[in-house]
N, C-alpha and C. Protein backbone atom coordinates (compact mmCIF):
# COMPACT_ATOMS: atom_id res chain seq x y z
N MET A 1 0.85 -1.18 0.00
CA MET A 1 0.00 0.00 0.00
C MET A 1 0.89 1.24 0.00
N ASN A 2 0.45 2.26 -0.66
CA ASN A 2 1.18 3.52 -0.73
C ASN A 2 1.29 4.12 0.66
N ALA A 3 2.49 4.58 1.04
CA ALA A 3 2.72 5.15 2.37
C ALA A 3 1.85 6.37 2.62
N LEU A 4 1.48 7.08 1.58
CA LEU A 4 0.65 8.27 1.74
C LEU A 4 -0.73 7.92 2.30
N PHE A 5 -1.23 6.73 1.94
CA PHE A 5 -2.57 6.32 2.35
C PHE A 5 -2.57 5.26 3.43
N SER A 6 -1.43 4.92 3.98
CA SER A 6 -1.36 3.91 5.02
C SER A 6 -1.79 4.50 6.36
N LYS A 7 -2.07 3.63 7.32
CA LYS A 7 -2.46 4.09 8.65
C LYS A 7 -1.30 4.83 9.29
N PRO A 8 -1.58 5.87 10.07
CA PRO A 8 -0.49 6.58 10.75
C PRO A 8 0.16 5.67 11.79
N ASP A 9 1.43 5.85 11.98
CA ASP A 9 2.18 5.09 12.97
C ASP A 9 1.85 5.63 14.36
N ALA A 10 1.35 4.78 15.22
CA ALA A 10 0.94 5.21 16.55
C ALA A 10 2.13 5.66 17.40
N THR A 11 3.34 5.24 17.03
CA THR A 11 4.51 5.62 17.81
C THR A 11 5.16 6.90 17.30
N ALA A 12 4.67 7.44 16.20
CA ALA A 12 5.26 8.66 15.64
C ALA A 12 4.98 9.83 16.57
N LEU A 13 5.95 10.71 16.69
CA LEU A 13 5.79 11.89 17.53
C LEU A 13 4.91 12.92 16.84
N PRO A 14 4.12 13.68 17.59
CA PRO A 14 3.31 14.73 16.98
C PRO A 14 4.21 15.84 16.43
N HIS A 15 3.71 16.57 15.49
CA HIS A 15 4.47 17.67 14.90
C HIS A 15 3.56 18.86 14.68
N VAL A 16 4.16 19.99 14.45
CA VAL A 16 3.42 21.23 14.25
C VAL A 16 3.66 21.71 12.83
N VAL A 17 2.61 22.11 12.17
CA VAL A 17 2.71 22.69 10.83
C VAL A 17 2.20 24.12 10.93
N ILE A 18 3.03 25.06 10.53
CA ILE A 18 2.64 26.47 10.59
C ILE A 18 2.21 26.90 9.19
N LEU A 19 0.98 27.31 9.08
CA LEU A 19 0.44 27.75 7.79
C LEU A 19 0.40 29.27 7.77
N GLY A 20 0.33 29.81 6.57
CA GLY A 20 0.23 31.26 6.43
C GLY A 20 -1.03 31.78 7.08
N ALA A 21 -0.96 32.99 7.60
CA ALA A 21 -2.09 33.57 8.34
C ALA A 21 -2.76 34.69 7.57
N GLY A 22 -2.57 34.76 6.28
CA GLY A 22 -3.16 35.85 5.50
C GLY A 22 -4.67 35.88 5.60
N ALA A 23 -5.31 34.72 5.54
CA ALA A 23 -6.77 34.67 5.63
C ALA A 23 -7.23 35.07 7.02
N SER A 24 -6.49 34.68 8.04
CA SER A 24 -6.85 35.05 9.41
C SER A 24 -6.78 36.56 9.60
N ARG A 25 -5.73 37.17 9.09
CA ARG A 25 -5.60 38.63 9.23
C ARG A 25 -6.69 39.34 8.42
N ALA A 26 -7.02 38.80 7.27
CA ALA A 26 -8.08 39.40 6.45
C ALA A 26 -9.43 39.29 7.17
N ALA A 27 -9.65 38.17 7.87
CA ALA A 27 -10.90 37.96 8.57
C ALA A 27 -10.98 38.76 9.87
N LEU A 28 -9.80 39.04 10.45
CA LEU A 28 -9.75 39.77 11.72
C LEU A 28 -8.85 41.00 11.58
N PRO A 29 -9.25 41.98 10.77
CA PRO A 29 -8.38 43.14 10.50
C PRO A 29 -8.08 43.98 11.75
N ASN A 30 -8.93 43.86 12.77
CA ASN A 30 -8.70 44.62 14.01
C ASN A 30 -8.04 43.78 15.09
N GLY A 31 -7.56 42.60 14.72
CA GLY A 31 -6.89 41.73 15.68
C GLY A 31 -7.84 40.76 16.36
N ASP A 32 -7.31 40.06 17.38
CA ASP A 32 -8.12 39.09 18.10
C ASP A 32 -9.06 39.81 19.07
N LYS A 33 -9.71 39.06 19.96
CA LYS A 33 -10.68 39.67 20.87
C LYS A 33 -10.04 40.67 21.83
N ASN A 34 -8.72 40.59 22.00
CA ASN A 34 -8.01 41.53 22.86
C ASN A 34 -7.35 42.66 22.07
N GLY A 35 -7.59 42.69 20.75
CA GLY A 35 -7.01 43.73 19.91
C GLY A 35 -5.59 43.44 19.45
N LYS A 36 -5.06 42.25 19.80
CA LYS A 36 -3.71 41.88 19.39
C LYS A 36 -3.74 41.47 17.92
N PRO A 37 -2.88 42.08 17.08
CA PRO A 37 -2.91 41.76 15.65
C PRO A 37 -2.56 40.29 15.38
N ILE A 38 -3.20 39.74 14.37
CA ILE A 38 -2.91 38.37 13.95
C ILE A 38 -1.62 38.40 13.13
N PRO A 39 -0.60 37.61 13.49
CA PRO A 39 0.67 37.67 12.75
C PRO A 39 0.60 36.97 11.39
N LEU A 40 1.38 37.48 10.47
CA LEU A 40 1.57 36.83 9.18
C LEU A 40 2.87 36.04 9.23
N MET A 41 3.15 35.23 8.21
CA MET A 41 4.40 34.47 8.18
C MET A 41 5.60 35.41 8.23
N ASP A 42 5.48 36.57 7.61
CA ASP A 42 6.58 37.54 7.65
C ASP A 42 6.85 38.04 9.06
N ASP A 43 5.84 37.99 9.92
CA ASP A 43 5.96 38.46 11.29
C ASP A 43 6.51 37.38 12.24
N LEU A 44 6.59 36.14 11.79
CA LEU A 44 6.92 35.03 12.66
C LEU A 44 8.22 35.21 13.45
N PRO A 45 9.32 35.64 12.84
CA PRO A 45 10.54 35.82 13.64
C PRO A 45 10.36 36.84 14.77
N ASN A 46 9.60 37.89 14.52
CA ASN A 46 9.35 38.89 15.56
C ASN A 46 8.47 38.32 16.67
N VAL A 47 7.46 37.56 16.28
CA VAL A 47 6.54 36.96 17.26
C VAL A 47 7.30 35.98 18.15
N LEU A 48 8.19 35.20 17.55
CA LEU A 48 8.96 34.20 18.30
C LEU A 48 10.16 34.80 19.01
N GLY A 49 10.48 36.05 18.71
CA GLY A 49 11.63 36.69 19.34
C GLY A 49 12.96 36.21 18.80
N THR A 50 12.95 35.74 17.55
CA THR A 50 14.19 35.22 16.95
C THR A 50 14.71 36.09 15.83
N TYR A 51 14.12 37.26 15.61
CA TYR A 51 14.57 38.12 14.52
C TYR A 51 16.02 38.52 14.71
N GLY A 52 16.83 38.37 13.67
CA GLY A 52 18.22 38.77 13.72
C GLY A 52 19.17 37.70 14.26
N GLN A 53 18.62 36.59 14.72
CA GLN A 53 19.49 35.52 15.22
C GLN A 53 19.94 34.65 14.07
N SER A 54 21.16 34.21 14.12
CA SER A 54 21.64 33.29 13.10
C SER A 54 21.55 31.88 13.65
N TRP A 55 21.15 30.97 12.83
CA TRP A 55 20.99 29.58 13.25
C TRP A 55 22.24 28.88 12.86
């Protein structure tokens, strides 16, 4: 069976996928319920506090 359609491995570790937030910002132009702006992918280093760091 193709690995793409096989059952997920129960021992696999969970992972996080970060998707672009353009639609979220378009839907919430004034920010979240507290007025905090919704970040875009371009904002991610600033949000995470990693802007300017070299890996």
